[in-house]
């Protein structure tokens, strides 16, 4: 338990940030899942830039590591290229 006012404030801020980050991470995971469920190559290619932007934003704000972002984007690209 926090004993100082500054520690209590830090706890409150961490809770807000955690909730905020969790929302963006979950939204991005859902978008990635939706892209990977697609069977139409054209539709997947149209949706990919939006998902790439979401992944880049997560890396930029520090929710995920930049290498993980690159791996996710690469995996999506490989999946889309395999569609016929």
PDB file of N, CA and C in Angstrom:
ATOM      1  N   UNK A   1       0.840  -1.179   0.000  1.00  0.00           N
ATOM      2  CA  UNK A   1       0.000   0.000   0.000  1.00  0.00           C
ATOM      3  C   UNK A   1       0.885   1.242   0.000  1.00  0.00           C
ATOM      4  N   UNK A   2       0.498   2.193  -0.811  1.00  0.00           N
ATOM      5  CA  UNK A   2       1.266   3.427  -0.914  1.00  0.00           C
ATOM      6  C   UNK A   2       1.088   4.271   0.347  1.00  0.00           C
ATOM      7  N   UNK A   3       2.188   4.815   0.823  1.00  0.00           N
ATOM      8  CA  UNK A   3       2.139   5.614   2.039  1.00  0.00           C
ATOM      9  C   UNK A   3       2.253   7.109   1.784  1.00  0.00           C
ATOM     10  N   UNK A   4       2.760   7.493   0.635  1.00  0.00           N
ATOM     11  CA  UNK A   4       2.967   8.896   0.334  1.00  0.00           C
ATOM     12  C   UNK A   4       1.992   9.342  -0.747  1.00  0.00           C
ATOM     13  N   UNK A   5       1.700  10.625  -0.738  1.00  0.00           N
ATOM     14  CA  UNK A   5       0.756  11.170  -1.711  1.00  0.00           C
ATOM     15  C   UNK A   5       1.239  10.932  -3.134  1.00  0.00           C
ATOM     16  N   UNK A   6       2.537  11.098  -3.356  1.00  0.00           N
ATOM     17  CA  UNK A   6       3.069  10.917  -4.707  1.00  0.00           C
ATOM     18  C   UNK A   6       2.959   9.460  -5.155  1.00  0.00           C
ATOM     19  N   UNK A   7       3.132   8.528  -4.221  1.00  0.00           N
ATOM     20  CA  UNK A   7       3.002   7.107  -4.550  1.00  0.00           C
ATOM     21  C   UNK A   7       1.549   6.753  -4.841  1.00  0.00           C
ATOM     22  N   UNK A   8       0.619   7.371  -4.106  1.00  0.00           N
ATOM     23  CA  UNK A   8      -0.808   7.141  -4.365  1.00  0.00           C
ATOM     24  C   UNK A   8      -1.191   7.674  -5.736  1.00  0.00           C
ATOM     25  N   UNK A   9      -0.662   8.832  -6.072  1.00  0.00           N
ATOM     26  CA  UNK A   9      -0.948   9.416  -7.381  1.00  0.00           C
ATOM     27  C   UNK A   9      -0.355   8.540  -8.476  1.00  0.00           C
ATOM     28  N   UNK A  10       0.845   8.036  -8.278  1.00  0.00           N
ATOM     29  CA  UNK A  10       1.476   7.159  -9.265  1.00  0.00           C
ATOM     30  C   UNK A  10       0.636   5.900  -9.480  1.00  0.00           C
ATOM     31  N   UNK A  11       0.069   5.358  -8.404  1.00  0.00           N
ATOM     32  CA  UNK A  11      -0.805   4.190  -8.524  1.00  0.00           C
ATOM     33  C   UNK A  11      -2.032   4.504  -9.365  1.00  0.00           C
ATOM     34  N   UNK A  12      -2.628   5.670  -9.115  1.00  0.00           N
ATOM     35  CA  UNK A  12      -3.812   6.068  -9.897  1.00  0.00           C
ATOM     36  C   UNK A  12      -3.458   6.217 -11.375  1.00  0.00           C
ATOM     37  N   UNK A  13      -2.333   6.848 -11.647  1.00  0.00           N
ATOM     38  CA  UNK A  13      -1.915   7.043 -13.032  1.00  0.00           C
ATOM     39  C   UNK A  13      -1.627   5.708 -13.706  1.00  0.00           C
ATOM     40  N   UNK A  14      -0.978   4.799 -12.982  1.00  0.00           N
ATOM     41  CA  UNK A  14      -0.667   3.493 -13.549  1.00  0.00           C
ATOM     42  C   UNK A  14      -1.930   2.713 -13.878  1.00  0.00           C
ATOM     43  N   UNK A  15      -2.945   2.820 -13.037  1.00  0.00           N
ATOM     44  CA  UNK A  15      -4.212   2.146 -13.314  1.00  0.00           C
ATOM     45  C   UNK A  15      -4.839   2.672 -14.593  1.00  0.00           C
ATOM     46  N   UNK A  16      -4.859   4.001 -14.744  1.00  0.00           N
ATOM     47  CA  UNK A  16      -5.436   4.613 -15.950  1.00  0.00           C
ATOM     48  C   UNK A  16      -4.657   4.204 -17.191  1.00  0.00           C
ATOM     49  N   UNK A  17      -3.344   4.261 -17.114  1.00  0.00           N
ATOM     50  CA  UNK A  17      -2.511   3.900 -18.262  1.00  0.00           C
ATOM     51  C   UNK A  17      -2.675   2.435 -18.620  1.00  0.00           C
ATOM     52  N   UNK A  18      -2.756   1.586 -17.591  1.00  0.00           N
ATOM     53  CA  UNK A  18      -2.915   0.157 -17.819  1.00  0.00           C
ATOM     54  C   UNK A  18      -4.220  -0.118 -18.558  1.00  0.00           C
ATOM     55  N   UNK A  19      -5.296   0.512 -18.137  1.00  0.00           N
ATOM     56  CA  UNK A  19      -6.589   0.341 -18.783  1.00  0.00           C
ATOM     57  C   UNK A  19      -6.534   0.840 -20.230  1.00  0.00           C
ATOM     58  N   UNK A  20      -5.920   1.990 -20.422  1.00  0.00           N
ATOM     59  CA  UNK A  20      -5.781   2.579 -21.756  1.00  0.00           C
ATOM     60  C   UNK A  20      -4.982   1.658 -22.667  1.00  0.00           C
ATOM     61  N   UNK A  21      -3.842   1.178 -22.189  1.00  0.00           N
ATOM     62  CA  UNK A  21      -2.992   0.302 -22.987  1.00  0.00           C
ATOM     63  C   UNK A  21      -3.686  -1.021 -23.283  1.00  0.00           C
ATOM     64  N   UNK A  22      -4.420  -1.546 -22.304  1.00  0.00           N
ATOM     65  CA  UNK A  22      -5.121  -2.812 -22.483  1.00  0.00           C
ATOM     66  C   UNK A  22      -6.169  -2.697 -23.585  1.00  0.00           C
ATOM     67  N   UNK A  23      -6.875  -1.561 -23.621  1.00  0.00           N
ATOM     68  CA  UNK A  23      -7.891  -1.325 -24.644  1.00  0.00           C
ATOM     69  C   UNK A  23      -7.259  -1.331 -26.035  1.00  0.00           C
ATOM     70  N   UNK A  24      -6.175  -0.562 -26.223  1.00  0.00           N
ATOM     71  CA  UNK A  24      -5.532  -0.491 -27.534  1.00  0.00           C
ATOM     72  C   UNK A  24      -4.934  -1.831 -27.944  1.00  0.00           C
ATOM     73  N   UNK A  25      -4.348  -2.545 -26.996  1.00  0.00           N
ATOM     74  CA  UNK A  25      -3.748  -3.841 -27.312  1.00  0.00           C
ATOM     75  C   UNK A  25      -4.820  -4.838 -27.739  1.00  0.00           C
ATOM     76  N   UNK A  26      -5.939  -4.873 -27.026  1.00  0.00           N
ATOM     77  CA  UNK A  26      -7.011  -5.812 -27.344  1.00  0.00           C
ATOM     78  C   UNK A  26      -7.642  -5.472 -28.691  1.00  0.00           C
ATOM     79  N   UNK A  27      -7.847  -4.197 -28.963  1.00  0.00           N
ATOM     80  CA  UNK A  27      -8.419  -3.774 -30.233  1.00  0.00           C
ATOM     81  C   UNK A  27      -7.515  -4.185 -31.389  1.00  0.00           C
ATOM     82  N   UNK A  28      -6.220  -4.023 -31.209  1.00  0.00           N
ATOM     83  CA  UNK A  28      -5.271  -4.397 -32.253  1.00  0.00           C
ATOM     84  C   UNK A  28      -5.244  -5.904 -32.442  1.00  0.00           C
ATOM     85  N   UNK A  29      -5.265  -6.664 -31.344  1.00  0.00           N
ATOM     86  CA  UNK A  29      -5.295  -8.133 -31.462  1.00  0.00           C
ATOM     87  C   UNK A  29      -6.528  -8.599 -32.218  1.00  0.00           C
ATOM     88  N   UNK A  30      -7.669  -7.963 -31.962  1.00  0.00           N
ATOM     89  CA  UNK A  30      -8.890  -8.325 -32.676  1.00  0.00           C
ATOM     90  C   UNK A  30      -8.766  -8.021 -34.165  1.00  0.00           C
ATOM     91  N   UNK A  31      -8.151  -6.889 -34.495  1.00  0.00           N
ATOM     92  CA  UNK A  31      -7.978  -6.523 -35.901  1.00  0.00           C
ATOM     93  C   UNK A  31      -7.041  -7.505 -36.603  1.00  0.00           C
ATOM     94  N   UNK A  32      -5.979  -7.923 -35.916  1.00  0.00           N
ATOM     95  CA  UNK A  32      -5.051  -8.901 -36.485  1.00  0.00           C
ATOM     96  C   UNK A  32      -5.776 -10.224 -36.714  1.00  0.00           C
ATOM     97  N   UNK A  33      -6.572 -10.634 -35.732  1.00  0.00           N
ATOM     98  CA  UNK A  33      -7.331 -11.875 -35.861  1.00  0.00           C
ATOM     99  C   UNK A  33      -8.283 -11.804 -37.052  1.00  0.00           C
ATOM    100  N   UNK A  34      -8.946 -10.664 -37.235  1.00  0.00           N
ATOM    101  CA  UNK A  34      -9.881 -10.513 -38.346  1.00  0.00           C
ATOM    102  C   UNK A  34      -9.161 -10.597 -39.694  1.00  0.00           C
ATOM    103  N   UNK A  35      -7.968 -10.005 -39.784  1.00  0.00           N
ATOM    104  CA  UNK A  35      -7.189 -10.082 -41.034  1.00  0.00           C
ATOM    105  C   UNK A  35      -6.810 -11.530 -41.315  1.00  0.00           C
ATOM    106  N   UNK A  36      -6.394 -12.254 -40.281  1.00  0.00           N
ATOM    107  CA  UNK A  36      -5.951 -13.639 -40.474  1.00  0.00           C
ATOM    108  C   UNK A  36      -7.102 -14.594 -40.770  1.00  0.00           C
ATOM    109  N   UNK A  37      -8.336 -14.178 -40.501  1.00  0.00           N
ATOM    110  CA  UNK A  37      -9.501 -14.996 -40.829  1.00  0.00           C
ATOM    111  C   UNK A  37      -9.952 -14.795 -42.272  1.00  0.00           C
ATOM    112  N   UNK A  38      -9.516 -13.706 -42.889  1.00  0.00           N
ATOM    113  CA  UNK A  38      -9.968 -13.385 -44.240  1.00  0.00           C
ATOM    114  C   UNK A  38      -9.459 -14.407 -45.246  1.00  0.00           C
ATOM    115  N   UNK A  39     -10.314 -14.704 -46.224  1.00  0.00           N
ATOM    116  CA  UNK A  39      -9.910 -15.611 -47.305  1.00  0.00           C
ATOM    117  C   UNK A  39      -9.811 -14.874 -48.635  1.00  0.00           C
ATOM    118  N   UNK A  40     -10.289 -13.647 -48.670  1.00  0.00           N
ATOM    119  CA  UNK A  40     -10.217 -12.835 -49.889  1.00  0.00           C
ATOM    120  C   UNK A  40      -8.964 -11.964 -49.844  1.00  0.00           C
ATOM    121  N   UNK A  41      -8.092 -12.159 -50.819  1.00  0.00           N
ATOM    122  CA  UNK A  41      -6.810 -11.453 -50.817  1.00  0.00           C
ATOM    123  C   UNK A  41      -7.000  -9.944 -50.956  1.00  0.00           C
ATOM    124  N   UNK A  42      -7.922  -9.535 -51.816  1.00  0.00           N
ATOM    125  CA  UNK A  42      -8.117  -8.098 -52.042  1.00  0.00           C
ATOM    126  C   UNK A  42      -8.597  -7.401 -50.771  1.00  0.00           C
ATOM    127  N   UNK A  43      -9.538  -8.015 -50.082  1.00  0.00           N
ATOM    128  CA  UNK A  43     -10.051  -7.421 -48.847  1.00  0.00           C
ATOM    129  C   UNK A  43      -8.959  -7.362 -47.781  1.00  0.00           C
ATOM    130  N   UNK A  44      -8.146  -8.404 -47.704  1.00  0.00           N
ATOM    131  CA  UNK A  44      -7.060  -8.424 -46.725  1.00  0.00           C
ATOM    132  C   UNK A  44      -6.031  -7.340 -47.030  1.00  0.00           C
ATOM    133  N   UNK A  45      -5.727  -7.155 -48.317  1.00  0.00           N
ATOM    134  CA  UNK A  45      -4.760  -6.108 -48.703  1.00  0.00           C
ATOM    135  C   UNK A  45      -5.289  -4.717 -48.377  1.00  0.00           C
ATOM    136  N   UNK A  46      -6.605  -4.529 -48.497  1.00  0.00           N
ATOM    137  CA  UNK A  46      -7.184  -3.219 -48.191  1.00  0.00           C
ATOM    138  C   UNK A  46      -7.192  -2.950 -46.686  1.00  0.00           C
ATOM    139  N   UNK A  47      -7.359  -3.988 -45.883  1.00  0.00           N
ATOM    140  CA  UNK A  47      -7.413  -3.811 -44.438  1.00  0.00           C
ATOM    141  C   UNK A  47      -6.051  -3.774 -43.773  1.00  0.00           C
ATOM    142  N   UNK A  48      -5.034  -4.269 -44.453  1.00  0.00           N
ATOM    143  CA  UNK A  48      -3.705  -4.376 -43.857  1.00  0.00           C
ATOM    144  C   UNK A  48      -3.105  -3.040 -43.418  1.00  0.00           C
ATOM    145  N   UNK A  49      -3.158  -1.978 -44.229  1.00  0.00           N
ATOM    146  CA  UNK A  49      -2.535  -0.723 -43.784  1.00  0.00           C
ATOM    147  C   UNK A  49      -3.102  -0.184 -42.473  1.00  0.00           C
ATOM    148  N   UNK A  50      -4.404  -0.366 -42.268  1.00  0.00           N
ATOM    149  CA  UNK A  50      -5.015   0.097 -41.021  1.00  0.00           C
ATOM    150  C   UNK A  50      -4.462  -0.692 -39.833  1.00  0.00           C
ATOM    151  N   UNK A  51      -4.324  -1.999 -40.007  1.00  0.00           N
ATOM    152  CA  UNK A  51      -3.795  -2.846 -38.935  1.00  0.00           C
ATOM    153  C   UNK A  51      -2.316  -2.528 -38.702  1.00  0.00           C
ATOM    154  N   UNK A  52      -1.564  -2.304 -39.777  1.00  0.00           N
ATOM    155  CA  UNK A  52      -0.152  -1.927 -39.628  1.00  0.00           C
ATOM    156  C   UNK A  52      -0.022  -0.647 -38.806  1.00  0.00           C
ATOM    157  N   UNK A  53      -0.901   0.316 -39.064  1.00  0.00           N
ATOM    158  CA  UNK A  53      -0.859   1.582 -38.329  1.00  0.00           C
ATOM    159  C   UNK A  53      -1.152   1.350 -36.853  1.00  0.00           C
ATOM    160  N   UNK A  54      -2.100   0.464 -36.557  1.00  0.00           N
ATOM    161  CA  UNK A  54      -2.426   0.165 -35.162  1.00  0.00           C
ATOM    162  C   UNK A  54      -1.229  -0.472 -34.453  1.00  0.00           C
ATOM    163  N   UNK A  55      -0.570  -1.395 -35.148  1.00  0.00           N
ATOM    164  CA  UNK A  55       0.596  -2.071 -34.574  1.00  0.00           C
ATOM    165  C   UNK A  55       1.722  -1.066 -34.337  1.00  0.00           C
ATOM    166  N   UNK A  56       1.948  -0.192 -35.319  1.00  0.00           N
ATOM    167  CA  UNK A  56       2.998   0.823 -35.174  1.00  0.00           C
ATOM    168  C   UNK A  56       2.721   1.746 -33.993  1.00  0.00           C
ATOM    169  N   UNK A  57       1.448   2.080 -33.785  1.00  0.00           N
ATOM    170  CA  UNK A  57       1.111   2.958 -32.672  1.00  0.00           C
ATOM    171  C   UNK A  57       1.393   2.274 -31.338  1.00  0.00           C
ATOM    172  N   UNK A  58       1.079   0.972 -31.247  1.00  0.00           N
ATOM    173  CA  UNK A  58       1.375   0.245 -30.011  1.00  0.00           C
ATOM    174  C   UNK A  58       2.865   0.257 -29.724  1.00  0.00           C
ATOM    175  N   UNK A  59       3.675   0.079 -30.764  1.00  0.00           N
ATOM    176  CA  UNK A  59       5.127   0.091 -30.570  1.00  0.00           C
ATOM    177  C   UNK A  59       5.606   1.491 -30.185  1.00  0.00           C
ATOM    178  N   UNK A  60       5.010   2.493 -30.789  1.00  0.00           N
ATOM    179  CA  UNK A  60       5.434   3.872 -30.534  1.00  0.00           C
ATOM    180  C   UNK A  60       5.171   4.288 -29.090  1.00  0.00           C
ATOM    181  N   UNK A  61       4.006   3.885 -28.553  1.00  0.00           N
ATOM    182  CA  UNK A  61       3.675   4.291 -27.185  1.00  0.00           C
ATOM    183  C   UNK A  61       4.207   3.314 -26.148  1.00  0.00           C
ATOM    184  N   UNK A  62       4.871   2.252 -26.603  1.00  0.00           N
ATOM    185  CA  UNK A  62       5.561   1.359 -25.677  1.00  0.00           C
ATOM    186  C   UNK A  62       4.741   0.211 -25.135  1.00  0.00           C
ATOM    187  N   UNK A  63       3.600  -0.079 -25.744  1.00  0.00           N
ATOM    188  CA  UNK A  63       2.791  -1.196 -25.281  1.00  0.00           C
ATOM    189  C   UNK A  63       3.441  -2.517 -25.702  1.00  0.00           C
ATOM    190  N   UNK A  64       3.970  -2.550 -26.922  1.00  0.00           N
ATOM    191  CA  UNK A  64       4.717  -3.719 -27.385  1.00  0.00           C
ATOM    192  C   UNK A  64       6.083  -3.256 -27.875  1.00  0.00           C
ATOM    193  N   UNK A  65       7.013  -4.173 -27.974  1.00  0.00           N
ATOM    194  CA  UNK A  65       8.371  -3.864 -28.425  1.00  0.00           C
ATOM    195  C   UNK A  65       8.372  -3.679 -29.935  1.00  0.00           C
ATOM    196  N   UNK A  66       9.289  -2.877 -30.442  1.00  0.00           N
ATOM    197  CA  UNK A  66       9.332  -2.596 -31.873  1.00  0.00           C
ATOM    198  C   UNK A  66       9.617  -3.852 -32.688  1.00  0.00           C
ATOM    199  N   UNK A  67      10.389  -4.788 -32.122  1.00  0.00           N
ATOM    200  CA  UNK A  67      10.654  -6.028 -32.851  1.00  0.00           C
ATOM    201  C   UNK A  67       9.405  -6.893 -32.939  1.00  0.00           C
ATOM    202  N   UNK A  68       8.613  -6.898 -31.897  1.00  0.00           N
ATOM    203  CA  UNK A  68       7.350  -7.642 -31.931  1.00  0.00           C
ATOM    204  C   UNK A  68       6.421  -7.035 -32.975  1.00  0.00           C
ATOM    205  N   UNK A  69       6.411  -5.717 -33.058  1.00  0.00           N
ATOM    206  CA  UNK A  69       5.590  -5.053 -34.070  1.00  0.00           C
ATOM    207  C   UNK A  69       6.031  -5.481 -35.474  1.00  0.00           C
ATOM    208  N   UNK A  70       7.331  -5.522 -35.694  1.00  0.00           N
ATOM    209  CA  UNK A  70       7.847  -5.947 -36.993  1.00  0.00           C
ATOM    210  C   UNK A  70       7.472  -7.385 -37.296  1.00  0.00           C
ATOM    211  N   UNK A  71       7.562  -8.251 -36.285  1.00  0.00           N
ATOM    212  CA  UNK A  71       7.206  -9.656 -36.480  1.00  0.00           C
ATOM    213  C   UNK A  71       5.719  -9.810 -36.796  1.00  0.00           C
ATOM    214  N   UNK A  72       4.871  -9.062 -36.122  1.00  0.00           N
ATOM    215  CA  UNK A  72       3.434  -9.132 -36.393  1.00  0.00           C
ATOM    216  C   UNK A  72       3.127  -8.669 -37.816  1.00  0.00           C
ATOM    217  N   UNK A  73       3.718  -7.541 -38.214  1.00  0.00           N
ATOM    218  CA  UNK A  73       3.470  -7.017 -39.555  1.00  0.00           C
ATOM    219  C   UNK A  73       3.986  -7.975 -40.618  1.00  0.00           C
ATOM    220  N   UNK A  74       5.139  -8.580 -40.372  1.00  0.00           N
ATOM    221  CA  UNK A  74       5.696  -9.541 -41.303  1.00  0.00           C
ATOM    222  C   UNK A  74       4.790 -10.757 -41.441  1.00  0.00           C
ATOM    223  N   UNK A  75       4.281 -11.248 -40.321  1.00  0.00           N
ATOM    224  CA  UNK A  75       3.395 -12.395 -40.348  1.00  0.00           C
ATOM    225  C   UNK A  75       2.118 -12.124 -41.120  1.00  0.00           C
ATOM    226  N   UNK A  76       1.586 -10.923 -40.972  1.00  0.00           N
ATOM    227  CA  UNK A  76       0.383 -10.552 -41.719  1.00  0.00           C
ATOM    228  C   UNK A  76       0.683 -10.503 -43.210  1.00  0.00           C
ATOM    229  N   UNK A  77       1.825  -9.920 -43.563  1.00  0.00           N
ATOM    230  CA  UNK A  77       2.214  -9.826 -44.976  1.00  0.00           C
ATOM    231  C   UNK A  77       2.395 -11.214 -45.584  1.00  0.00           C
ATOM    232  N   UNK A  78       3.021 -12.116 -44.846  1.00  0.00           N
ATOM    233  CA  UNK A  78       3.217 -13.484 -45.337  1.00  0.00           C
ATOM    234  C   UNK A  78       1.859 -14.147 -45.557  1.00  0.00           C
ATOM    235  N   UNK A  79       0.956 -13.958 -44.611  1.00  0.00           N
ATOM    236  CA  UNK A  79      -0.375 -14.564 -44.736  1.00  0.00           C
ATOM    237  C   UNK A  79      -1.103 -14.029 -45.973  1.00  0.00           C
ATOM    238  N   UNK A  80      -1.048 -12.713 -46.165  1.00  0.00           N
ATOM    239  CA  UNK A  80      -1.737 -12.109 -47.299  1.00  0.00           C
ATOM    240  C   UNK A  80      -1.129 -12.586 -48.613  1.00  0.00           C
ATOM    241  N   UNK A  81       0.185 -12.707 -48.667  1.00  0.00           N
ATOM    242  CA  UNK A  81       0.830 -13.151 -49.900  1.00  0.00           C
ATOM    243  C   UNK A  81       0.505 -14.603 -50.229  1.00  0.00           C
ATOM    244  N   UNK A  82       0.170 -15.410 -49.222  1.00  0.00           N
ATOM    245  CA  UNK A  82      -0.172 -16.813 -49.474  1.00  0.00           C
ATOM    246  C   UNK A  82      -1.599 -16.977 -49.979  1.00  0.00           C
ATOM    247  N   UNK A  83      -2.432 -15.960 -49.751  1.00  0.00           N
ATOM    248  CA  UNK A  83      -3.807 -16.045 -50.249  1.00  0.00           C
ATOM    249  C   UNK A  83      -3.811 -15.998 -51.768  1.00  0.00           C
ATOM    250  N   UNK A  84      -4.780 -16.715 -52.332  1.00  0.00           N
ATOM    251  CA  UNK A  84      -4.838 -16.699 -53.808  1.00  0.00           C
ATOM    252  C   UNK A  84      -6.086 -16.013 -54.289  1.00  0.00           C
TER     253      UNK A  84
END
